[in-house]
Amino acid sequence: MRNLFVVLAFALFATGLSAQQDTLKYRISLKDKAATIYSFKKPEAFLSKRAIERRKRQYLAIDSTDLPVCREYVDEICRQGVHFVVAGKWDNFVTVSCNDSNVIERIAKLPFVRSTEKVWTSPGPDKPFMSTKRDSLLNHLTICPDSIYGVATRQIEISNGDKLHKAGFRGDGMVIAVIDAGFHNVDRMPAMKNIHILGEKDFVNSDADLFAESTHGMGVLSCIGMNQPNMMTGTAPDASFWLLRSEDEYSENLVEQDYWAAAVEFADSVGADVINTSLGYYVFDDHTKNYKYCDLNGHHALMSREASKVADKGMVLVCSAGNAGMGPWKKITPPGDAENVLTVGAIDKKGVLAPFSSIGNTTDNRIKPDVVAVGLRADLMRSDGGQGRGNGTSFASPIMCGMVACLWEACPKLTAKELINLVRQSGDRAACPDNIYGYGIPDMWKAYQTYKSDLNK
């Protein structure tokens, strides 16, 4: 599948060392795909078999957004003296790097270019741009003989996800893409050896080692995929995973949304069913790019536009609501404002809202967050190979994501949008949702029983 995507995602446009050394990056939005060499009659040329089957199963049409960005356009842009970084077919853009902004003025005049926007400025040659060190491994694990979930028992029981597991639905056959900042030591931890990883890809820096980068994605993955009975079992221990890096922790710029868009489209192309992203943005190093409340409409941010298309491709996106509840912003962070996604707020193990959990609604008055899960003192793995706890909607999201994957395994006839609605309606506040808890704490067993009941009608 990796070789297939090399063609689909324009990986043959090498980012290379030259792109890494450039000091500017621009998003070039394109007007059309008129020069495409692809045809709807032959979708296997640009989509994997699994991605095509997912669309057929949910009666979803393959449309113009599925067609790759026109290679002819990308080649002409690069001939102007820039380097290819990533491309996004759903929103029809290509991101390039250079050292001279004047070249972008020439690109803006090309007949197929709609607009250009600077999305990254180098923080400086003396600033770090990749990690070269690893944390030492101690591999000390606490054994809890009373539960296969070990220390993580409560965070799945609060939503009755354990009942799905007992019924045999543990994520088998489901593919989950985790889009994050890095997966520190995942490849070296004995406790994580049972996680079925299909592959990984770094959209930020092809020269970096995403297993040496941030510990954040490692903790996120552990909440879903851990499979060590009596020590820690995640919410979808039998699922398979793609590990994708889109977050650049060394700066905060719009380009990270370009990386994220490319990662989401990669997840689609390799056949992911569910995507978890514990990332959100509203302030940037260039403060002129900061978002306003009026931007939380599901379409202003590139991430939100991309996220709003995920369910139309037959996948479910589960994302963190944000951790701004105690600060001046307070609101959800893109892509959490997107349509047809599950935006997850954080609660403690008693079901009380975590004070940092971001609140809604969107500017067009949609309920956000959608649901809540444990994100205060959530149990997870540490980068030293032992168990620990973490705070953040970053961990509420994957805890919910794994249960969503298991529910979909149990309810295979549902479309992505139907599954999202089923999860919402199983919440303990579904009768009266609000902008703090959303639809509340989902009851996954209740959702499954509802599905079975509806099948028998």
Protein backbone atom coordinates (compact mmCIF):
# COMPACT_ATOMS: atom_id res chain seq x y z
CA MET A 1 0.00 0.00 0.00
CA ARG A 2 2.91 2.35 0.62
CA ASN A 3 4.05 2.03 -3.00
CA LEU A 4 0.55 2.79 -4.23
CA PHE A 5 0.42 6.02 -2.28
CA VAL A 6 3.75 7.19 -3.67
CA VAL A 7 1.88 7.79 -6.91
CA LEU A 8 -1.36 9.02 -5.36
CA ALA A 9 0.07 11.67 -3.10
CA PHE A 10 2.79 13.07 -5.34
CA ALA A 11 5.51 11.69 -3.14
CA LEU A 12 7.50 11.47 -6.35
CA PHE A 13 7.90 15.24 -6.02
CA ALA A 14 10.87 14.93 -3.67
CA THR A 15 10.85 17.38 -0.79
CA GLY A 16 14.56 16.73 -0.35
CA LEU A 17 17.17 18.63 1.57
CA SER A 18 16.71 21.77 -0.57
CA ALA A 19 13.10 22.15 0.60
CA GLN A 20 14.20 21.69 4.20
CA GLN A 21 16.72 24.52 3.83
CA ASP A 22 14.25 26.99 2.30
CA THR A 23 13.02 29.77 4.56
CA LEU A 24 9.51 30.35 3.22
CA LYS A 25 6.52 28.13 2.42
CA TYR A 26 3.42 29.11 0.47
CA ARG A 27 0.06 27.47 -0.16
CA ILE A 28 -0.88 27.78 -3.83
CA SER A 29 -4.63 27.32 -4.29
CA LEU A 30 -5.65 26.15 -7.76
CA LYS A 31 -8.71 27.02 -9.83
CA ASP A 32 -9.49 23.64 -11.31
CA LYS A 33 -8.32 20.18 -12.34
CA ALA A 34 -8.87 20.68 -16.06
CA ALA A 35 -5.50 19.17 -16.97
CA THR A 36 -6.08 15.94 -15.08
CA ILE A 37 -4.90 12.68 -16.63
CA TYR A 38 -7.28 10.66 -14.42
CA SER A 39 -10.81 9.44 -15.08
CA PHE A 40 -13.75 8.61 -12.79
CA LYS A 41 -14.10 5.43 -14.83
CA LYS A 42 -10.76 4.18 -13.52
CA PRO A 43 -10.65 5.17 -9.82
CA GLU A 44 -8.15 2.40 -9.10
CA ALA A 45 -5.53 4.68 -10.67
CA PHE A 46 -5.81 7.15 -7.78
CA LEU A 47 -7.57 5.30 -4.94
CA SER A 48 -6.73 2.05 -3.21
CA LYS A 49 -9.04 -0.93 -3.46
CA ARG A 50 -9.99 -0.55 0.19
CA ALA A 51 -10.84 3.15 -0.27
CA ILE A 52 -13.02 2.35 -3.31
CA GLU A 53 -14.80 -0.46 -1.48
CA ARG A 54 -15.47 1.84 1.48
CA ARG A 55 -17.18 4.34 -0.80
CA LYS A 56 -19.22 1.63 -2.54
CA ARG A 57 -20.32 0.16 0.77
CA GLN A 58 -21.69 3.55 1.86
CA TYR A 59 -23.08 4.52 -1.56
CA LEU A 60 -20.67 7.45 -1.85
CA ALA A 61 -19.87 8.83 -5.28
CA ILE A 62 -16.30 9.39 -6.37
CA ASP A 63 -16.16 13.06 -7.33
CA SER A 64 -13.75 15.75 -8.50
CA THR A 65 -12.26 16.17 -5.03
CA ASP A 66 -10.95 12.62 -5.28
CA LEU A 67 -8.91 13.42 -8.38
CA PRO A 68 -5.25 14.20 -7.64
CA VAL A 69 -3.96 17.73 -8.05
CA CYS A 70 -2.98 18.16 -11.71
CA ARG A 71 0.61 17.08 -12.24
CA GLU A 72 0.93 19.51 -15.15
CA TYR A 73 0.10 22.42 -12.84
CA VAL A 74 2.50 21.27 -10.15
CA ASP A 75 5.32 20.88 -12.67
CA GLU A 76 4.75 24.39 -14.02
CA ILE A 77 4.72 25.85 -10.51
CA CYS A 78 7.97 24.11 -9.63
CA ARG A 79 9.59 25.38 -12.85
CA GLN A 80 9.23 28.87 -11.44
CA GLY A 81 11.96 28.07 -8.91
CA VAL A 82 10.21 26.55 -5.88
CA HIS A 83 10.29 23.13 -4.24
CA PHE A 84 7.31 20.86 -3.76
CA VAL A 85 6.29 20.20 -0.12
CA VAL A 86 2.80 18.61 -0.10
CA ALA A 87 -0.41 18.68 -2.12
CA GLY A 88 -4.06 18.50 -1.11
CA LYS A 89 -6.57 17.23 -3.65
CA TRP A 90 -9.76 17.78 -1.64
CA ASP A 91 -9.10 21.52 -1.35
CA ASN A 92 -7.02 21.58 -4.58
CA PHE A 93 -3.78 23.16 -3.43
CA VAL A 94 -0.04 22.62 -3.58
CA THR A 95 2.38 23.82 -0.90
CA VAL A 96 5.85 24.89 -1.98
CA SER A 97 9.02 26.26 -0.38
CA CYS A 98 11.48 28.89 -1.56
CA ASN A 99 13.78 31.65 -0.37
CA ASP A 100 12.47 34.47 -2.55
CA SER A 101 8.93 35.80 -2.24
CA ASN A 102 9.20 37.41 -5.69
CA VAL A 103 8.86 34.00 -7.30
CA ILE A 104 5.44 33.67 -5.68
CA GLU A 105 4.32 36.81 -7.49
CA ARG A 106 5.12 35.06 -10.78
CA ILE A 107 3.26 31.94 -9.66
CA ALA A 108 0.20 34.01 -8.69
CA LYS A 109 -0.08 35.14 -12.33
CA LEU A 110 -0.28 31.62 -13.74
CA PRO A 111 -3.71 31.11 -15.34
CA PHE A 112 -4.66 28.09 -13.18
CA VAL A 113 -3.71 29.70 -9.82
CA ARG A 114 -6.55 31.04 -7.69
CA SER A 115 -4.58 32.51 -4.76
CA THR A 116 -1.37 32.27 -2.79
CA GLU A 117 -0.75 32.54 0.94
CA LYS A 118 2.41 32.45 3.01
CA VAL A 119 2.05 29.64 5.54
CA TRP A 120 5.52 29.35 7.07
CA THR A 121 8.59 31.45 7.79
CA SER A 122 11.73 29.79 9.10
CA PRO A 123 12.26 30.47 12.82
CA GLY A 124 15.98 30.80 12.05
CA PRO A 125 18.98 28.57 11.28
CA ASP A 126 19.93 28.34 14.96
CA LYS A 127 16.56 26.89 15.97
CA PRO A 128 16.01 23.12 16.32
CA PHE A 129 13.99 21.45 13.57
CA MET A 130 14.16 17.75 14.44
CA SER A 131 14.86 15.49 17.40
CA THR A 132 17.97 13.34 17.56
CA LYS A 133 17.69 11.92 21.10
CA ARG A 134 15.56 9.21 22.66
CA ASP A 135 14.30 8.86 26.23
CA SER A 136 15.77 5.97 28.20
CA LEU A 137 13.53 2.97 28.70
CA LEU A 138 12.79 1.66 32.20
CA ASN A 139 9.87 -0.59 31.18
CA HIS A 140 8.40 -0.73 34.69
CA LEU A 141 4.74 -1.75 34.47
CA THR A 142 2.13 -2.02 37.19
CA ILE A 143 0.05 -5.22 37.10
CA CYS A 144 -3.63 -5.05 38.03
CA PRO A 145 -4.87 -8.66 38.18
CA ASP A 146 -8.52 -7.67 38.66
CA SER A 147 -8.97 -6.21 35.17
CA ILE A 148 -7.61 -6.80 31.68
CA TYR A 149 -7.59 -3.00 31.31
CA GLY A 150 -5.10 -2.62 34.12
CA VAL A 151 -4.80 0.99 35.15
CA ALA A 152 -7.08 2.11 32.29
CA THR A 153 -10.25 0.39 33.49
CA ARG A 154 -12.41 3.40 34.31
CA GLN A 155 -11.84 5.33 31.09
CA ILE A 156 -13.48 2.59 29.03
CA GLU A 157 -16.10 1.46 31.54
CA ILE A 158 -17.55 4.96 31.83
CA SER A 159 -18.84 4.58 28.25
CA ASN A 160 -19.55 0.84 28.47
CA GLY A 161 -16.88 0.18 25.89
CA ASP A 162 -15.84 -2.86 27.89
CA LYS A 163 -19.21 -4.44 27.10
CA LEU A 164 -18.46 -4.17 23.39
CA HIS A 165 -15.14 -5.91 24.04
CA LYS A 166 -16.81 -8.69 25.98
CA ALA A 167 -19.18 -9.19 23.05
CA GLY A 168 -16.15 -9.70 20.79
CA PHE A 169 -15.86 -6.24 19.26
CA ARG A 170 -12.28 -5.08 19.92
CA GLY A 171 -11.50 -3.33 16.63
CA ASP A 172 -10.55 -6.37 14.58
CA GLY A 173 -10.48 -5.49 10.87
CA MET A 174 -10.68 -1.75 11.55
CA VAL A 175 -7.90 0.56 10.36
CA ILE A 176 -7.24 3.66 12.46
CA ALA A 177 -4.99 6.50 11.32
CA VAL A 178 -3.43 8.51 14.16
CA ILE A 179 -2.32 11.97 13.02
CA ASP A 180 -0.09 13.59 15.60
CA ALA A 181 3.24 15.19 16.49
CA GLY A 182 5.45 12.10 16.88
CA PHE A 183 5.48 8.65 18.40
CA HIS A 184 8.47 8.64 20.69
CA ASN A 185 9.87 5.17 21.43
CA VAL A 186 6.80 3.32 20.13
CA ASP A 187 9.13 1.17 18.03
CA ARG A 188 11.26 0.23 21.06
CA MET A 189 8.80 -0.30 23.89
CA PRO A 190 8.19 -3.97 24.75
CA ALA A 191 4.76 -3.01 26.15
CA MET A 192 3.67 -1.65 22.76
CA LYS A 193 4.96 -4.55 20.66
CA ASN A 194 1.46 -6.04 20.35
CA ILE A 195 0.07 -2.96 18.59
CA HIS A 196 -0.48 -3.80 14.93
CA ILE A 197 1.19 -0.94 13.04
CA LEU A 198 0.68 -1.05 9.29
CA GLY A 199 3.10 1.77 8.54
CA GLU A 200 4.08 5.34 9.23
CA LYS A 201 4.74 8.56 7.32
CA ASP A 202 6.16 11.94 8.28
CA PHE A 203 4.63 14.89 6.43
CA VAL A 204 6.65 17.51 8.32
CA ASN A 205 10.21 16.43 7.63
CA SER A 206 11.06 13.36 5.58
CA ASP A 207 14.56 13.35 7.11
CA ALA A 208 13.24 13.09 10.68
CA ASP A 209 12.54 9.96 12.70
CA LEU A 210 8.94 10.19 13.89
CA PHE A 211 9.79 7.60 16.58
CA ALA A 212 12.28 10.10 18.02
CA GLU A 213 9.90 13.06 17.83
CA SER A 214 7.21 14.09 20.32
CA THR A 215 5.91 11.83 23.09
CA HIS A 216 2.40 13.19 22.45
CA GLY A 217 1.41 10.78 19.70
CA MET A 218 2.84 7.87 21.67
CA GLY A 219 0.51 8.65 24.58
CA VAL A 220 -2.42 9.09 22.21
CA LEU A 221 -1.74 5.76 20.49
CA SER A 222 -1.46 3.96 23.83
CA CYS A 223 -4.99 5.03 24.79
CA ILE A 224 -6.35 3.20 21.74
CA GLY A 225 -3.99 0.41 20.86
CA MET A 226 -2.37 -0.96 24.02
CA ASN A 227 -2.86 -4.71 24.28
CA GLN A 228 -1.20 -5.87 27.49
CA PRO A 229 -3.89 -7.54 29.65
CA ASN A 230 -3.78 -6.64 33.35
CA MET A 231 -1.28 -3.87 32.63
CA MET A 232 -3.04 -1.68 30.06
CA THR A 233 -5.57 -2.44 27.36
CA GLY A 234 -6.69 0.35 25.07
CA THR A 235 -10.12 1.02 23.64
CA ALA A 236 -9.44 -0.79 20.31
CA PRO A 237 -6.67 -3.29 21.06
CA ASP A 238 -7.25 -5.44 17.96
CA ALA A 239 -7.32 -2.59 15.43
CA SER A 240 -4.55 -1.83 12.93
CA PHE A 241 -2.83 1.55 12.78
CA TRP A 242 -1.16 4.02 10.48
CA LEU A 243 1.03 6.53 12.34
CA LEU A 244 1.18 9.89 10.59
CA ARG A 245 3.05 13.03 11.68
CA SER A 246 1.69 16.45 10.72
CA GLU A 247 2.46 18.59 13.79
CA ASP A 248 5.72 20.55 13.85
CA GLU A 249 6.45 21.23 17.52
CA TYR A 250 9.34 23.56 16.68
CA SER A 251 7.06 26.35 15.42
CA GLU A 252 3.37 27.15 15.05
CA ASN A 253 2.40 28.03 11.51
CA LEU A 254 -0.45 27.54 9.07
CA VAL A 255 1.65 25.06 7.08
CA GLU A 256 0.93 22.41 9.70
CA GLN A 257 -2.62 22.40 8.38
CA ASP A 258 -1.24 21.70 4.91
CA TYR A 259 0.68 18.73 6.32
CA TRP A 260 -2.47 17.61 8.14
CA ALA A 261 -4.57 17.80 4.97
CA ALA A 262 -2.03 15.64 3.15
CA ALA A 263 -2.05 13.17 6.07
CA VAL A 264 -5.86 12.90 6.08
CA GLU A 265 -5.89 12.25 2.34
CA PHE A 266 -3.16 9.65 2.79
CA ALA A 267 -5.30 7.96 5.43
CA ASP A 268 -8.18 7.87 2.97
CA SER A 269 -6.04 6.45 0.20
CA VAL A 270 -4.62 3.60 2.28
CA GLY A 271 -8.10 2.63 3.44
CA ALA A 272 -8.44 3.97 6.98
CA ASP A 273 -11.86 3.66 8.58
CA VAL A 274 -11.39 6.00 11.53
CA ILE A 275 -8.97 8.89 12.07
CA ASN A 276 -7.88 10.32 15.39
CA THR A 277 -6.31 13.74 15.55
CA SER A 278 -5.48 15.32 18.89
CA LEU A 279 -4.40 18.59 17.34
CA GLY A 280 -6.01 22.01 17.18
CA TYR A 281 -4.95 25.53 16.21
CA TYR A 282 -6.08 29.07 16.89
CA VAL A 283 -2.88 31.09 17.57
CA PHE A 284 0.26 31.20 15.43
CA ASP A 285 3.78 32.60 15.46
CA ASP A 286 2.51 35.14 12.93
CA HIS A 287 -0.22 36.71 15.05
CA THR A 288 -1.92 38.20 12.00
CA LYS A 289 -3.02 34.64 11.20
CA ASN A 290 -4.71 34.08 14.59
CA TYR A 291 -8.31 32.92 14.41
CA LYS A 292 -11.32 34.85 15.67
CA TYR A 293 -14.54 33.42 17.07
CA CYS A 294 -16.29 34.21 13.81
CA ASP A 295 -13.89 31.81 12.05
CA LEU A 296 -15.30 28.78 13.90
CA ASN A 297 -17.80 27.94 11.17
CA GLY A 298 -16.32 24.67 9.93
CA HIS A 299 -15.01 26.19 6.70
CA HIS A 300 -12.58 29.00 7.44
CA ALA A 301 -9.52 26.96 8.46
CA LEU A 302 -8.04 24.59 5.89
CA MET A 303 -8.11 21.82 8.51
CA SER A 304 -11.80 22.38 9.11
CA ARG A 305 -12.63 22.31 5.40
CA GLU A 306 -10.71 19.07 5.01
CA ALA A 307 -12.23 17.59 8.17
CA SER A 308 -15.73 18.41 6.97
CA LYS A 309 -15.12 16.20 3.91
CA VAL A 310 -13.91 13.14 5.84
CA ALA A 311 -17.35 11.59 6.37
CA ASP A 312 -18.15 12.19 2.69
CA LYS A 313 -15.28 9.80 1.96
CA GLY A 314 -16.77 7.21 4.31
CA MET A 315 -14.45 7.71 7.29
CA VAL A 316 -15.10 8.96 10.81
CA LEU A 317 -12.85 11.69 12.19
CA VAL A 318 -12.54 11.91 15.97
CA CYS A 319 -10.75 15.04 17.18
CA SER A 320 -9.93 16.83 20.40
CA ALA A 321 -12.01 19.85 21.38
CA GLY A 322 -9.02 21.80 22.68
CA ASN A 323 -7.65 22.76 26.08
CA ALA A 324 -8.51 26.46 26.14
CA GLY A 325 -11.32 26.33 28.69
CA MET A 326 -9.34 28.10 31.42
CA GLY A 327 -7.81 30.74 29.15
CA PRO A 328 -9.13 33.80 27.35
CA TRP A 329 -10.04 31.88 24.16
CA LYS A 330 -12.17 29.18 25.87
CA LYS A 331 -13.61 27.90 22.60
CA ILE A 332 -13.06 24.77 20.54
CA THR A 333 -10.12 24.84 18.15
CA PRO A 334 -10.11 23.93 14.45
CA PRO A 335 -10.63 21.29 13.17
CA GLY A 336 -13.03 20.72 16.08
CA ASP A 337 -15.50 23.16 14.48
CA ALA A 338 -15.85 20.97 11.37
CA GLU A 339 -19.11 19.41 10.22
CA ASN A 340 -19.74 15.67 10.47
CA VAL A 341 -16.92 14.90 12.90
CA LEU A 342 -16.88 13.81 16.54
CA THR A 343 -15.29 16.58 18.59
CA VAL A 344 -14.44 15.28 22.06
CA GLY A 345 -14.28 17.27 25.28
CA ALA A 346 -12.64 16.04 28.49
CA ILE A 347 -14.16 14.84 31.76
CA ASP A 348 -12.72 13.24 34.87
CA LYS A 349 -13.42 9.65 35.86
CA LYS A 350 -16.56 10.72 37.73
CA GLY A 351 -18.01 12.35 34.63
CA VAL A 352 -17.33 15.97 35.65
CA LEU A 353 -16.05 18.35 32.98
CA ALA A 354 -12.30 19.01 33.10
CA PRO A 355 -11.82 22.75 33.66
CA PHE A 356 -9.46 23.09 30.69
CA SER A 357 -11.86 21.47 28.19
CA SER A 358 -12.82 23.86 25.39
CA ILE A 359 -16.47 24.71 24.84
CA GLY A 360 -18.73 25.49 21.86
CA ASN A 361 -20.84 26.30 20.01
CA THR A 362 -19.74 26.98 16.46
CA THR A 363 -20.54 30.36 14.96
CA ASP A 364 -23.31 28.75 12.90
CA ASN A 365 -24.72 27.36 16.16
CA ARG A 366 -23.90 23.66 15.84
CA ILE A 367 -23.46 21.73 19.09
CA LYS A 368 -19.81 21.41 20.10
CA PRO A 369 -18.18 19.50 21.60
CA ASP A 370 -20.13 16.51 20.29
CA VAL A 371 -19.34 14.18 23.19
CA VAL A 372 -16.98 13.84 26.16
CA ALA A 373 -14.58 11.17 27.42
CA VAL A 374 -11.98 10.85 30.17
CA GLY A 375 -9.22 13.39 29.63
CA LEU A 376 -8.36 14.43 33.19
CA ARG A 377 -5.80 12.05 34.69
CA ALA A 378 -6.29 9.74 31.73
CA ASP A 379 -4.20 6.57 31.90
CA LEU A 380 -1.61 6.14 29.19
CA MET A 381 1.93 5.01 28.46
CA ARG A 382 4.99 7.13 29.15
CA SER A 383 7.99 7.35 26.84
CA ASP A 384 10.11 5.43 29.40
CA GLY A 385 7.93 2.35 28.88
CA GLY A 386 5.90 2.66 32.07
CA GLN A 387 2.35 3.75 32.75
CA GLY A 388 1.41 7.28 33.63
CA ARG A 389 -1.40 9.80 33.46
CA GLY A 390 -2.05 12.78 31.27
CA ASN A 391 -4.42 15.72 31.07
CA GLY A 392 -6.01 17.02 27.91
CA THR A 393 -8.71 16.54 25.36
CA SER A 394 -5.77 15.06 23.44
CA PHE A 395 -6.38 11.84 25.38
CA ALA A 396 -10.17 12.04 25.57
CA SER A 397 -10.22 11.92 21.78
CA PRO A 398 -8.30 8.63 21.27
CA ILE A 399 -10.13 6.96 24.16
CA MET A 400 -13.36 7.76 22.32
CA CYS A 401 -11.86 6.99 18.91
CA GLY A 402 -11.07 3.39 19.82
CA MET A 403 -14.58 2.80 21.10
CA VAL A 404 -16.03 4.32 17.93
CA ALA A 405 -13.96 1.86 15.87
CA CYS A 406 -15.24 -1.05 17.95
CA LEU A 407 -18.82 0.18 17.62
CA TRP A 408 -18.43 0.38 13.84
CA GLU A 409 -17.07 -3.16 13.82
CA ALA A 410 -20.26 -4.16 15.67
CA CYS A 411 -22.50 -2.07 13.37
CA PRO A 412 -20.96 -2.61 9.91
CA LYS A 413 -24.01 -1.55 7.89
CA LEU A 414 -23.84 2.04 9.11
CA THR A 415 -22.39 4.87 7.05
CA ALA A 416 -19.87 7.22 8.66
CA LYS A 417 -22.52 9.89 9.19
CA GLU A 418 -24.98 7.40 10.63
CA LEU A 419 -22.33 6.15 13.06
CA ILE A 420 -21.52 9.69 14.19
CA ASN A 421 -25.20 10.35 14.85
CA LEU A 422 -25.60 7.05 16.70
CA VAL A 423 -22.74 7.96 19.04
CA ARG A 424 -24.22 11.39 19.69
CA GLN A 425 -27.68 10.01 20.39
CA SER A 426 -26.28 7.51 22.90
CA GLY A 427 -24.96 10.36 25.03
CA ASP A 428 -26.38 10.92 28.49
CA ARG A 429 -27.32 14.51 27.53
CA ALA A 430 -28.74 13.71 24.09
CA ALA A 431 -32.20 14.94 25.09
CA CYS A 432 -30.79 18.37 25.88
CA PRO A 433 -27.27 18.87 24.49
CA ASP A 434 -25.28 21.96 25.42
CA ASN A 435 -22.05 23.74 24.53
CA ILE A 436 -20.11 22.30 27.48
CA TYR A 437 -20.69 18.54 27.46
CA GLY A 438 -22.30 18.39 24.02
CA TYR A 439 -24.41 15.23 23.84
CA GLY A 440 -22.61 14.00 26.93
CA ILE A 441 -20.95 10.68 27.73
CA PRO A 442 -21.82 8.12 25.06
CA ASP A 443 -23.06 4.70 26.10
CA MET A 444 -21.51 2.44 23.47
CA TRP A 445 -23.48 -0.62 24.55
CA LYS A 446 -26.73 1.32 24.31
CA ALA A 447 -25.69 2.47 20.84
CA TYR A 448 -25.07 -1.13 19.77
CA GLN A 449 -28.43 -2.27 21.17
CA THR A 450 -30.15 0.57 19.31
CA TYR A 451 -28.48 -0.55 16.08
CA LYS A 452 -29.60 -4.14 16.57
CA SER A 453 -33.12 -3.05 17.40
CA ASP A 454 -33.33 -0.90 14.27
CA LEU A 455 -32.13 -3.82 12.12
CA ASN A 456 -35.02 -5.94 13.37
CA LYS A 457 -37.71 -3.39 12.60
